[in-house]
Amino acid sequence: MSNSHGSVDAGAGRSGHQEAVLLGRQIRLARSASGMRQEDLSSLVGIGVATLRRIERGETAHPSVFVVTRLLYELELSPNVLLAIHARAPRGGSGAP
């Protein structure tokens, strides 16, 4: 399914929310461990502090791949973090809509 921006919503629904929460938690933990403030990281990545807060709280289900890439780079995290998050998120069942 495509969203209004033309990108594919691979993690739509509950699993997409769970992935957003897991990503946000990982970003927040890495930022805290590095001693960086939200203001510092958001400035390095080129996003607003409010945007970073939403990502860290898991409120942004589909952040831009460019933003996620910059966050991983600035926090010195491996892209494998994304694979681990995807593997940990529960998958939706084939039940009724």
PDB file of N, CA and C in Angstrom:
ATOM      1  N   MET A   1       0.838  -1.166   0.000  1.00  0.00           N
ATOM      2  CA  MET A   1       0.000   0.000   0.000  1.00  0.00           C
ATOM      3  C   MET A   1       0.888   1.235   0.000  1.00  0.00           C
ATOM      4  N   SER A   2       0.548   2.246  -0.791  1.00  0.00           N
ATOM      5  CA  SER A   2       1.324   3.483  -0.865  1.00  0.00           C
ATOM      6  C   SER A   2       0.674   4.549  -0.022  1.00  0.00           C
ATOM      7  N   ASN A   3       1.511   5.412   0.567  1.00  0.00           N
ATOM      8  CA  ASN A   3       0.951   6.528   1.309  1.00  0.00           C
ATOM      9  C   ASN A   3       0.834   7.731   0.383  1.00  0.00           C
ATOM     10  N   SER A   4       0.398   8.868   0.902  1.00  0.00           N
ATOM     11  CA  SER A   4       0.173  10.049   0.072  1.00  0.00           C
ATOM     12  C   SER A   4       1.454  10.637  -0.491  1.00  0.00           C
ATOM     13  N   HIS A   5       2.608  10.204   0.018  1.00  0.00           N
ATOM     14  CA  HIS A   5       3.884  10.709  -0.470  1.00  0.00           C
ATOM     15  C   HIS A   5       4.489   9.774  -1.504  1.00  0.00           C
ATOM     16  N   GLY A   6       3.786   8.695  -1.864  1.00  0.00           N
ATOM     17  CA  GLY A   6       4.271   7.780  -2.874  1.00  0.00           C
ATOM     18  C   GLY A   6       5.226   6.721  -2.361  1.00  0.00           C
ATOM     19  N   SER A   7       5.506   6.701  -1.059  1.00  0.00           N
ATOM     20  CA  SER A   7       6.378   5.663  -0.531  1.00  0.00           C
ATOM     21  C   SER A   7       5.538   4.490  -0.059  1.00  0.00           C
ATOM     22  N   VAL A   8       6.163   3.364   0.051  1.00  0.00           N
ATOM     23  CA  VAL A   8       5.451   2.158   0.430  1.00  0.00           C
ATOM     24  C   VAL A   8       5.361   2.065   1.942  1.00  0.00           C
ATOM     25  N   ASP A   9       4.175   1.770   2.446  1.00  0.00           N
ATOM     26  CA  ASP A   9       3.953   1.590   3.872  1.00  0.00           C
ATOM     27  C   ASP A   9       4.121   0.115   4.218  1.00  0.00           C
ATOM     28  N   ALA A  10       5.365  -0.339   4.275  1.00  0.00           N
ATOM     29  CA  ALA A  10       5.642  -1.746   4.553  1.00  0.00           C
ATOM     30  C   ALA A  10       5.244  -2.130   5.960  1.00  0.00           C
ATOM     31  N   GLY A  11       5.282  -1.185   6.890  1.00  0.00           N
ATOM     32  CA  GLY A  11       4.979  -1.511   8.279  1.00  0.00           C
ATOM     33  C   GLY A  11       3.698  -0.860   8.744  1.00  0.00           C
ATOM     34  N   ALA A  12       2.684  -0.883   7.906  1.00  0.00           N
ATOM     35  CA  ALA A  12       1.431  -0.233   8.267  1.00  0.00           C
ATOM     36  C   ALA A  12       0.784  -0.936   9.443  1.00  0.00           C
ATOM     37  N   GLY A  13      -0.053  -0.188  10.163  1.00  0.00           N
ATOM     38  CA  GLY A  13      -0.790  -0.777  11.269  1.00  0.00           C
ATOM     39  C   GLY A  13       0.046  -0.910  12.527  1.00  0.00           C
ATOM     40  N   ARG A  14      -0.325  -1.880  13.347  1.00  0.00           N
ATOM     41  CA  ARG A  14       0.297  -2.061  14.656  1.00  0.00           C
ATOM     42  C   ARG A  14       1.782  -2.346  14.560  1.00  0.00           C
ATOM     43  N   SER A  15       2.212  -3.176  13.612  1.00  0.00           N
ATOM     44  CA  SER A  15       3.643  -3.489  13.514  1.00  0.00           C
ATOM     45  C   SER A  15       4.443  -2.246  13.144  1.00  0.00           C
ATOM     46  N   GLY A  16       3.877  -1.355  12.325  1.00  0.00           N
ATOM     47  CA  GLY A  16       4.552  -0.107  11.986  1.00  0.00           C
ATOM     48  C   GLY A  16       4.719   0.780  13.202  1.00  0.00           C
ATOM     49  N   HIS A  17       3.688   0.820  14.048  1.00  0.00           N
ATOM     50  CA  HIS A  17       3.779   1.599  15.284  1.00  0.00           C
ATOM     51  C   HIS A  17       4.840   1.004  16.204  1.00  0.00           C
ATOM     52  N   GLN A  18       4.840  -0.320  16.329  1.00  0.00           N
ATOM     53  CA  GLN A  18       5.821  -0.977  17.193  1.00  0.00           C
ATOM     54  C   GLN A  18       7.241  -0.712  16.699  1.00  0.00           C
ATOM     55  N   GLU A  19       7.453  -0.750  15.383  1.00  0.00           N
ATOM     56  CA  GLU A  19       8.778  -0.451  14.823  1.00  0.00           C
ATOM     57  C   GLU A  19       9.174   0.981  15.131  1.00  0.00           C
ATOM     58  N   ALA A  20       8.219   1.909  15.043  1.00  0.00           N
ATOM     59  CA  ALA A  20       8.509   3.320  15.345  1.00  0.00           C
ATOM     60  C   ALA A  20       8.912   3.483  16.802  1.00  0.00           C
ATOM     61  N   VAL A  21       8.229   2.774  17.701  1.00  0.00           N
ATOM     62  CA  VAL A  21       8.554   2.840  19.128  1.00  0.00           C
ATOM     63  C   VAL A  21       9.956   2.269  19.370  1.00  0.00           C
ATOM     64  N   LEU A  22      10.257   1.138  18.756  1.00  0.00           N
ATOM     65  CA  LEU A  22      11.574   0.520  18.930  1.00  0.00           C
ATOM     66  C   LEU A  22      12.685   1.396  18.356  1.00  0.00           C
ATOM     67  N   LEU A  23      12.448   1.985  17.187  1.00  0.00           N
ATOM     68  CA  LEU A  23      13.435   2.888  16.594  1.00  0.00           C
ATOM     69  C   LEU A  23      13.654   4.088  17.498  1.00  0.00           C
ATOM     70  N   GLY A  24      12.568   4.678  17.963  1.00  0.00           N
ATOM     71  CA  GLY A  24      12.677   5.839  18.840  1.00  0.00           C
ATOM     72  C   GLY A  24      13.448   5.535  20.109  1.00  0.00           C
ATOM     73  N   ARG A  25      13.183   4.380  20.684  1.00  0.00           N
ATOM     74  CA  ARG A  25      13.887   3.970  21.903  1.00  0.00           C
ATOM     75  C   ARG A  25      15.381   3.825  21.627  1.00  0.00           C
ATOM     76  N   GLN A  26      15.724   3.211  20.506  1.00  0.00           N
ATOM     77  CA  GLN A  26      17.130   3.015  20.156  1.00  0.00           C
ATOM     78  C   GLN A  26      17.834   4.356  19.931  1.00  0.00           C
ATOM     79  N   ILE A  27      17.168   5.265  19.242  1.00  0.00           N
ATOM     80  CA  ILE A  27      17.726   6.601  18.993  1.00  0.00           C
ATOM     81  C   ILE A  27      17.941   7.328  20.324  1.00  0.00           C
ATOM     82  N   ARG A  28      16.932   7.302  21.191  1.00  0.00           N
ATOM     83  CA  ARG A  28      17.020   7.986  22.489  1.00  0.00           C
ATOM     84  C   ARG A  28      18.144   7.411  23.348  1.00  0.00           C
ATOM     85  N   LEU A  29      18.251   6.078  23.397  1.00  0.00           N
ATOM     86  CA  LEU A  29      19.308   5.447  24.193  1.00  0.00           C
ATOM     87  C   LEU A  29      20.695   5.808  23.671  1.00  0.00           C
ATOM     88  N   ALA A  30      20.863   5.761  22.357  1.00  0.00           N
ATOM     89  CA  ALA A  30      22.167   6.087  21.763  1.00  0.00           C
ATOM     90  C   ALA A  30      22.509   7.559  21.988  1.00  0.00           C
ATOM     91  N   ARG A  31      21.506   8.431  21.847  1.00  0.00           N
ATOM     92  CA  ARG A  31      21.755   9.858  22.063  1.00  0.00           C
ATOM     93  C   ARG A  31      22.153  10.112  23.516  1.00  0.00           C
ATOM     94  N   SER A  32      21.426   9.524  24.439  1.00  0.00           N
ATOM     95  CA  SER A  32      21.730   9.696  25.866  1.00  0.00           C
ATOM     96  C   SER A  32      23.114   9.156  26.207  1.00  0.00           C
ATOM     97  N   ALA A  33      23.444   7.975  25.657  1.00  0.00           N
ATOM     98  CA  ALA A  33      24.749   7.358  25.926  1.00  0.00           C
ATOM     99  C   ALA A  33      25.895   8.218  25.402  1.00  0.00           C
ATOM    100  N   SER A  34      25.633   8.962  24.321  1.00  0.00           N
ATOM    101  CA  SER A  34      26.679   9.808  23.753  1.00  0.00           C
ATOM    102  C   SER A  34      26.782  11.151  24.466  1.00  0.00           C
ATOM    103  N   GLY A  35      25.841  11.427  25.367  1.00  0.00           N
ATOM    104  CA  GLY A  35      25.856  12.691  26.091  1.00  0.00           C
ATOM    105  C   GLY A  35      25.293  13.851  25.295  1.00  0.00           C
ATOM    106  N   MET A  36      24.629  13.553  24.193  1.00  0.00           N
ATOM    107  CA  MET A  36      24.072  14.593  23.334  1.00  0.00           C
ATOM    108  C   MET A  36      22.681  14.997  23.801  1.00  0.00           C
ATOM    109  N   ARG A  37      22.390  16.272  23.697  1.00  0.00           N
ATOM    110  CA  ARG A  37      21.038  16.763  23.965  1.00  0.00           C
ATOM    111  C   ARG A  37      20.218  16.651  22.684  1.00  0.00           C
ATOM    112  N   GLN A  38      18.911  16.659  22.812  1.00  0.00           N
ATOM    113  CA  GLN A  38      18.049  16.623  21.632  1.00  0.00           C
ATOM    114  C   GLN A  38      18.350  17.808  20.711  1.00  0.00           C
ATOM    115  N   GLU A  39      18.625  18.961  21.301  1.00  0.00           N
ATOM    116  CA  GLU A  39      18.936  20.149  20.499  1.00  0.00           C
ATOM    117  C   GLU A  39      20.192  19.940  19.665  1.00  0.00           C
ATOM    118  N   ASP A  40      21.196  19.274  20.256  1.00  0.00           N
ATOM    119  CA  ASP A  40      22.452  19.029  19.545  1.00  0.00           C
ATOM    120  C   ASP A  40      22.242  18.090  18.367  1.00  0.00           C
ATOM    121  N   LEU A  41      21.561  16.974  18.625  1.00  0.00           N
ATOM    122  CA  LEU A  41      21.359  15.976  17.577  1.00  0.00           C
ATOM    123  C   LEU A  41      20.459  16.511  16.474  1.00  0.00           C
ATOM    124  N   SER A  42      19.390  17.173  16.832  1.00  0.00           N
ATOM    125  CA  SER A  42      18.489  17.696  15.800  1.00  0.00           C
ATOM    126  C   SER A  42      19.216  18.704  14.910  1.00  0.00           C
ATOM    127  N   SER A  43      20.098  19.502  15.494  1.00  0.00           N
ATOM    128  CA  SER A  43      20.874  20.461  14.707  1.00  0.00           C
ATOM    129  C   SER A  43      21.816  19.746  13.738  1.00  0.00           C
ATOM    130  N   LEU A  44      22.485  18.706  14.214  1.00  0.00           N
ATOM    131  CA  LEU A  44      23.401  17.943  13.354  1.00  0.00           C
ATOM    132  C   LEU A  44      22.673  17.263  12.195  1.00  0.00           C
ATOM    133  N   VAL A  45      21.467  16.785  12.471  1.00  0.00           N
ATOM    134  CA  VAL A  45      20.701  16.042  11.472  1.00  0.00           C
ATOM    135  C   VAL A  45      19.948  16.979  10.528  1.00  0.00           C
ATOM    136  N   GLY A  46      19.678  18.202  10.999  1.00  0.00           N
ATOM    137  CA  GLY A  46      18.965  19.160  10.161  1.00  0.00           C
ATOM    138  C   GLY A  46      17.455  19.048  10.282  1.00  0.00           C
ATOM    139  N   ILE A  47      16.988  18.671  11.469  1.00  0.00           N
ATOM    140  CA  ILE A  47      15.556  18.589  11.732  1.00  0.00           C
ATOM    141  C   ILE A  47      15.245  19.409  12.973  1.00  0.00           C
ATOM    142  N   GLY A  48      13.985  19.688  13.174  1.00  0.00           N
ATOM    143  CA  GLY A  48      13.585  20.426  14.357  1.00  0.00           C
ATOM    144  C   GLY A  48      13.603  19.542  15.605  1.00  0.00           C
ATOM    145  N   VAL A  49      13.739  20.172  16.745  1.00  0.00           N
ATOM    146  CA  VAL A  49      13.739  19.446  18.013  1.00  0.00           C
ATOM    147  C   VAL A  49      12.411  18.711  18.190  1.00  0.00           C
ATOM    148  N   ALA A  50      11.308  19.342  17.808  1.00  0.00           N
ATOM    149  CA  ALA A  50       9.995  18.706  17.937  1.00  0.00           C
ATOM    150  C   ALA A  50       9.924  17.431  17.094  1.00  0.00           C
ATOM    151  N   THR A  51      10.521  17.452  15.922  1.00  0.00           N
ATOM    152  CA  THR A  51      10.544  16.260  15.064  1.00  0.00           C
ATOM    153  C   THR A  51      11.332  15.147  15.727  1.00  0.00           C
ATOM    154  N   LEU A  52      12.488  15.470  16.280  1.00  0.00           N
ATOM    155  CA  LEU A  52      13.292  14.463  16.968  1.00  0.00           C
ATOM    156  C   LEU A  52      12.535  13.902  18.171  1.00  0.00           C
ATOM    157  N   ARG A  53      11.859  14.760  18.899  1.00  0.00           N
ATOM    158  CA  ARG A  53      11.069  14.288  20.052  1.00  0.00           C
ATOM    159  C   ARG A  53      10.006  13.292  19.614  1.00  0.00           C
ATOM    160  N   ARG A  54       9.324  13.601  18.512  1.00  0.00           N
ATOM    161  CA  ARG A  54       8.294  12.683  18.005  1.00  0.00           C
ATOM    162  C   ARG A  54       8.900  11.357  17.577  1.00  0.00           C
ATOM    163  N   ILE A  55      10.062  11.397  16.943  1.00  0.00           N
ATOM    164  CA  ILE A  55      10.739  10.162  16.536  1.00  0.00           C
ATOM    165  C   ILE A  55      11.119   9.351  17.767  1.00  0.00           C
ATOM    166  N   GLU A  56      11.702   9.999  18.761  1.00  0.00           N
ATOM    167  CA  GLU A  56      12.123   9.301  19.979  1.00  0.00           C
ATOM    168  C   GLU A  56      10.951   8.714  20.750  1.00  0.00           C
ATOM    169  N   ARG A  57       9.790   9.322  20.658  1.00  0.00           N
ATOM    170  CA  ARG A  57       8.606   8.802  21.353  1.00  0.00           C
ATOM    171  C   ARG A  57       7.842   7.783  20.516  1.00  0.00           C
ATOM    172  N   GLY A  58       8.306   7.538  19.292  1.00  0.00           N
ATOM    173  CA  GLY A  58       7.628   6.569  18.428  1.00  0.00           C
ATOM    174  C   GLY A  58       6.354   7.107  17.818  1.00  0.00           C
ATOM    175  N   GLU A  59       6.226   8.418  17.752  1.00  0.00           N
ATOM    176  CA  GLU A  59       5.017   9.046  17.221  1.00  0.00           C
ATOM    177  C   GLU A  59       5.109   9.303  15.719  1.00  0.00           C
ATOM    178  N   THR A  60       6.249   9.039  15.132  1.00  0.00           N
ATOM    179  CA  THR A  60       6.438   9.208  13.698  1.00  0.00           C
ATOM    180  C   THR A  60       6.646   7.825  13.109  1.00  0.00           C
ATOM    181  N   ALA A  61       5.583   7.249  12.565  1.00  0.00           N
ATOM    182  CA  ALA A  61       5.627   5.865  12.093  1.00  0.00           C
ATOM    183  C   ALA A  61       6.504   5.687  10.855  1.00  0.00           C
ATOM    184  N   HIS A  62       6.621   6.713  10.037  1.00  0.00           N
ATOM    185  CA  HIS A  62       7.381   6.576   8.795  1.00  0.00           C
ATOM    186  C   HIS A  62       8.307   7.772   8.572  1.00  0.00           C
ATOM    187  N   PRO A  63       9.349   7.894   9.409  1.00  0.00           N
ATOM    188  CA  PRO A  63      10.278   9.007   9.193  1.00  0.00           C
ATOM    189  C   PRO A  63      11.020   8.832   7.872  1.00  0.00           C
ATOM    190  N   SER A  64      11.455   9.909   7.310  1.00  0.00           N
ATOM    191  CA  SER A  64      12.192   9.886   6.050  1.00  0.00           C
ATOM    192  C   SER A  64      13.439   9.011   6.167  1.00  0.00           C
ATOM    193  N   VAL A  65      13.720   8.267   5.114  1.00  0.00           N
ATOM    194  CA  VAL A  65      14.925   7.435   5.094  1.00  0.00           C
ATOM    195  C   VAL A  65      16.168   8.304   5.244  1.00  0.00           C
ATOM    196  N   PHE A  66      16.111   9.521   4.751  1.00  0.00           N
ATOM    197  CA  PHE A  66      17.250  10.432   4.864  1.00  0.00           C
ATOM    198  C   PHE A  66      17.466  10.859   6.314  1.00  0.00           C
ATOM    199  N   VAL A  67      16.377  11.119   7.019  1.00  0.00           N
ATOM    200  CA  VAL A  67      16.481  11.501   8.431  1.00  0.00           C
ATOM    201  C   VAL A  67      17.017  10.329   9.244  1.00  0.00           C
ATOM    202  N   VAL A  68      16.474   9.139   9.016  1.00  0.00           N
ATOM    203  CA  VAL A  68      16.943   7.960   9.757  1.00  0.00           C
ATOM    204  C   VAL A  68      18.416   7.707   9.469  1.00  0.00           C
ATOM    205  N   THR A  69      18.824   7.832   8.221  1.00  0.00           N
ATOM    206  CA  THR A  69      20.228   7.628   7.852  1.00  0.00           C
ATOM    207  C   THR A  69      21.122   8.629   8.569  1.00  0.00           C
ATOM    208  N   ARG A  70      20.710   9.892   8.614  1.00  0.00           N
ATOM    209  CA  ARG A  70      21.498  10.923   9.312  1.00  0.00           C
ATOM    210  C   ARG A  70      21.561  10.650  10.815  1.00  0.00           C
ATOM    211  N   LEU A  71      20.450  10.215  11.398  1.00  0.00           N
ATOM    212  CA  LEU A  71      20.444   9.886  12.825  1.00  0.00           C
ATOM    213  C   LEU A  71      21.422   8.750  13.113  1.00  0.00           C
ATOM    214  N   LEU A  72      21.362   7.701  12.307  1.00  0.00           N
ATOM    215  CA  LEU A  72      22.278   6.568  12.505  1.00  0.00           C
ATOM    216  C   LEU A  72      23.728   7.026  12.368  1.00  0.00           C
ATOM    217  N   TYR A  73      24.002   7.847  11.367  1.00  0.00           N
ATOM    218  CA  TYR A  73      25.361   8.333  11.134  1.00  0.00           C
ATOM    219  C   TYR A  73      25.860   9.160  12.319  1.00  0.00           C
ATOM    220  N   GLU A  74      25.070  10.135  12.741  1.00  0.00           N
ATOM    221  CA  GLU A  74      25.498  11.035  13.821  1.00  0.00           C
ATOM    222  C   GLU A  74      25.645  10.304  15.154  1.00  0.00           C
ATOM    223  N   LEU A  75      24.862   9.240  15.344  1.00  0.00           N
ATOM    224  CA  LEU A  75      24.938   8.466  16.588  1.00  0.00           C
ATOM    225  C   LEU A  75      25.894   7.282  16.479  1.00  0.00           C
ATOM    226  N   GLU A  76      26.537   7.170  15.307  1.00  0.00           N
ATOM    227  CA  GLU A  76      27.490   6.089  15.049  1.00  0.00           C
ATOM    228  C   GLU A  76      26.860   4.714  15.276  1.00  0.00           C
ATOM    229  N   LEU A  77      25.625   4.574  14.782  1.00  0.00           N
ATOM    230  CA  LEU A  77      24.910   3.305  14.855  1.00  0.00           C
ATOM    231  C   LEU A  77      24.967   2.610  13.503  1.00  0.00           C
ATOM    232  N   SER A  78      25.052   1.306  13.521  1.00  0.00           N
ATOM    233  CA  SER A  78      25.052   0.512  12.302  1.00  0.00           C
ATOM    234  C   SER A  78      23.653   0.469  11.701  1.00  0.00           C
ATOM    235  N   PRO A  79      23.554   0.452  10.379  1.00  0.00           N
ATOM    236  CA  PRO A  79      22.246   0.255   9.743  1.00  0.00           C
ATOM    237  C   PRO A  79      21.605  -1.075  10.144  1.00  0.00           C
ATOM    238  N   ASN A  80      22.400  -2.002  10.661  1.00  0.00           N
ATOM    239  CA  ASN A  80      21.849  -3.274  11.127  1.00  0.00           C
ATOM    240  C   ASN A  80      20.855  -3.076  12.259  1.00  0.00           C
ATOM    241  N   VAL A  81      20.898  -1.926  12.918  1.00  0.00           N
ATOM    242  CA  VAL A  81      19.924  -1.600  13.956  1.00  0.00           C
ATOM    243  C   VAL A  81      18.514  -1.681  13.372  1.00  0.00           C
ATOM    244  N   LEU A  82      18.355  -1.201  12.140  1.00  0.00           N
ATOM    245  CA  LEU A  82      17.036  -1.218  11.501  1.00  0.00           C
ATOM    246  C   LEU A  82      16.556  -2.643  11.258  1.00  0.00           C
ATOM    247  N   LEU A  83      17.464  -3.507  10.840  1.00  0.00           N
ATOM    248  CA  LEU A  83      17.099  -4.908  10.616  1.00  0.00           C
ATOM    249  C   LEU A  83      16.683  -5.576  11.920  1.00  0.00           C
ATOM    250  N   ALA A  84      17.401  -5.283  12.989  1.00  0.00           N
ATOM    251  CA  ALA A  84      17.063  -5.858  14.289  1.00  0.00           C
ATOM    252  C   ALA A  84      15.695  -5.370  14.760  1.00  0.00           C
ATOM    253  N   ILE A  85      15.397  -4.103  14.541  1.00  0.00           N
ATOM    254  CA  ILE A  85      14.103  -3.545  14.930  1.00  0.00           C
ATOM    255  C   ILE A  85      12.992  -4.214  14.133  1.00  0.00           C
ATOM    256  N   HIS A  86      13.210  -4.350  12.845  1.00  0.00           N
ATOM    257  CA  HIS A  86      12.201  -4.969  11.979  1.00  0.00           C
ATOM    258  C   HIS A  86      11.948  -6.413  12.409  1.00  0.00           C
ATOM    259  N   ALA A  87      12.999  -7.117  12.785  1.00  0.00           N
ATOM    260  CA  ALA A  87      12.868  -8.514  13.199  1.00  0.00           C
ATOM    261  C   ALA A  87      12.142  -8.632  14.544  1.00  0.00           C
ATOM    262  N   ARG A  88      12.293  -7.640  15.421  1.00  0.00           N
ATOM    263  CA  ARG A  88      11.692  -7.702  16.755  1.00  0.00           C
ATOM    264  C   ARG A  88      10.235  -7.278  16.779  1.00  0.00           C
ATOM    265  N   ALA A  89       9.817  -6.470  15.817  1.00  0.00           N
ATOM    266  CA  ALA A  89       8.447  -5.956  15.816  1.00  0.00           C
ATOM    267  C   ALA A  89       7.472  -7.084  15.478  1.00  0.00           C
ATOM    268  N   PRO A  90       6.371  -7.162  16.223  1.00  0.00           N
ATOM    269  CA  PRO A  90       5.388  -8.199  15.922  1.00  0.00           C
ATOM    270  C   PRO A  90       4.738  -7.958  14.576  1.00  0.00           C
ATOM    271  N   ARG A  91       4.460  -9.002  13.887  1.00  0.00           N
ATOM    272  CA  ARG A  91       3.810  -8.919  12.583  1.00  0.00           C
ATOM    273  C   ARG A  91       2.298  -9.036  12.755  1.00  0.00           C
ATOM    274  N   GLY A  92       1.568  -8.348  11.907  1.00  0.00           N
ATOM    275  CA  GLY A  92       0.113  -8.448  11.959  1.00  0.00           C
ATOM    276  C   GLY A  92      -0.346  -9.819  11.477  1.00  0.00           C
ATOM    277  N   GLY A  93      -1.416 -10.309  12.035  1.00  0.00           N
ATOM    278  CA  GLY A  93      -1.968 -11.594  11.650  1.00  0.00           C
ATOM    279  C   GLY A  93      -2.798 -11.492  10.398  1.00  0.00           C
ATOM    280  N   SER A  94      -3.369 -12.581   9.966  1.00  0.00           N
ATOM    281  CA  SER A  94      -4.184 -12.580   8.749  1.00  0.00           C
ATOM    282  C   SER A  94      -5.669 -12.602   9.113  1.00  0.00           C
ATOM    283  N   GLY A  95      -5.998 -12.033  10.284  1.00  0.00           N
ATOM    284  CA  GLY A  95      -7.378 -12.011  10.743  1.00  0.00           C
ATOM    285  C   GLY A  95      -8.219 -11.009   9.982  1.00  0.00           C
ATOM    286  N   ALA A  96      -9.422 -10.829  10.427  1.00  0.00           N
ATOM    287  CA  ALA A  96     -10.347  -9.902   9.765  1.00  0.00           C
ATOM    288  C   ALA A  96      -9.857  -8.476   9.904  1.00  0.00           C
ATOM    289  N   PRO A  97     -10.183  -7.615   8.930  1.00  0.00           N
ATOM    290  CA  PRO A  97      -9.745  -6.210   8.960  1.00  0.00           C
ATOM    291  C   PRO A  97     -10.273  -5.417  10.099  1.00  0.00           C
TER     292      PRO A  97
END
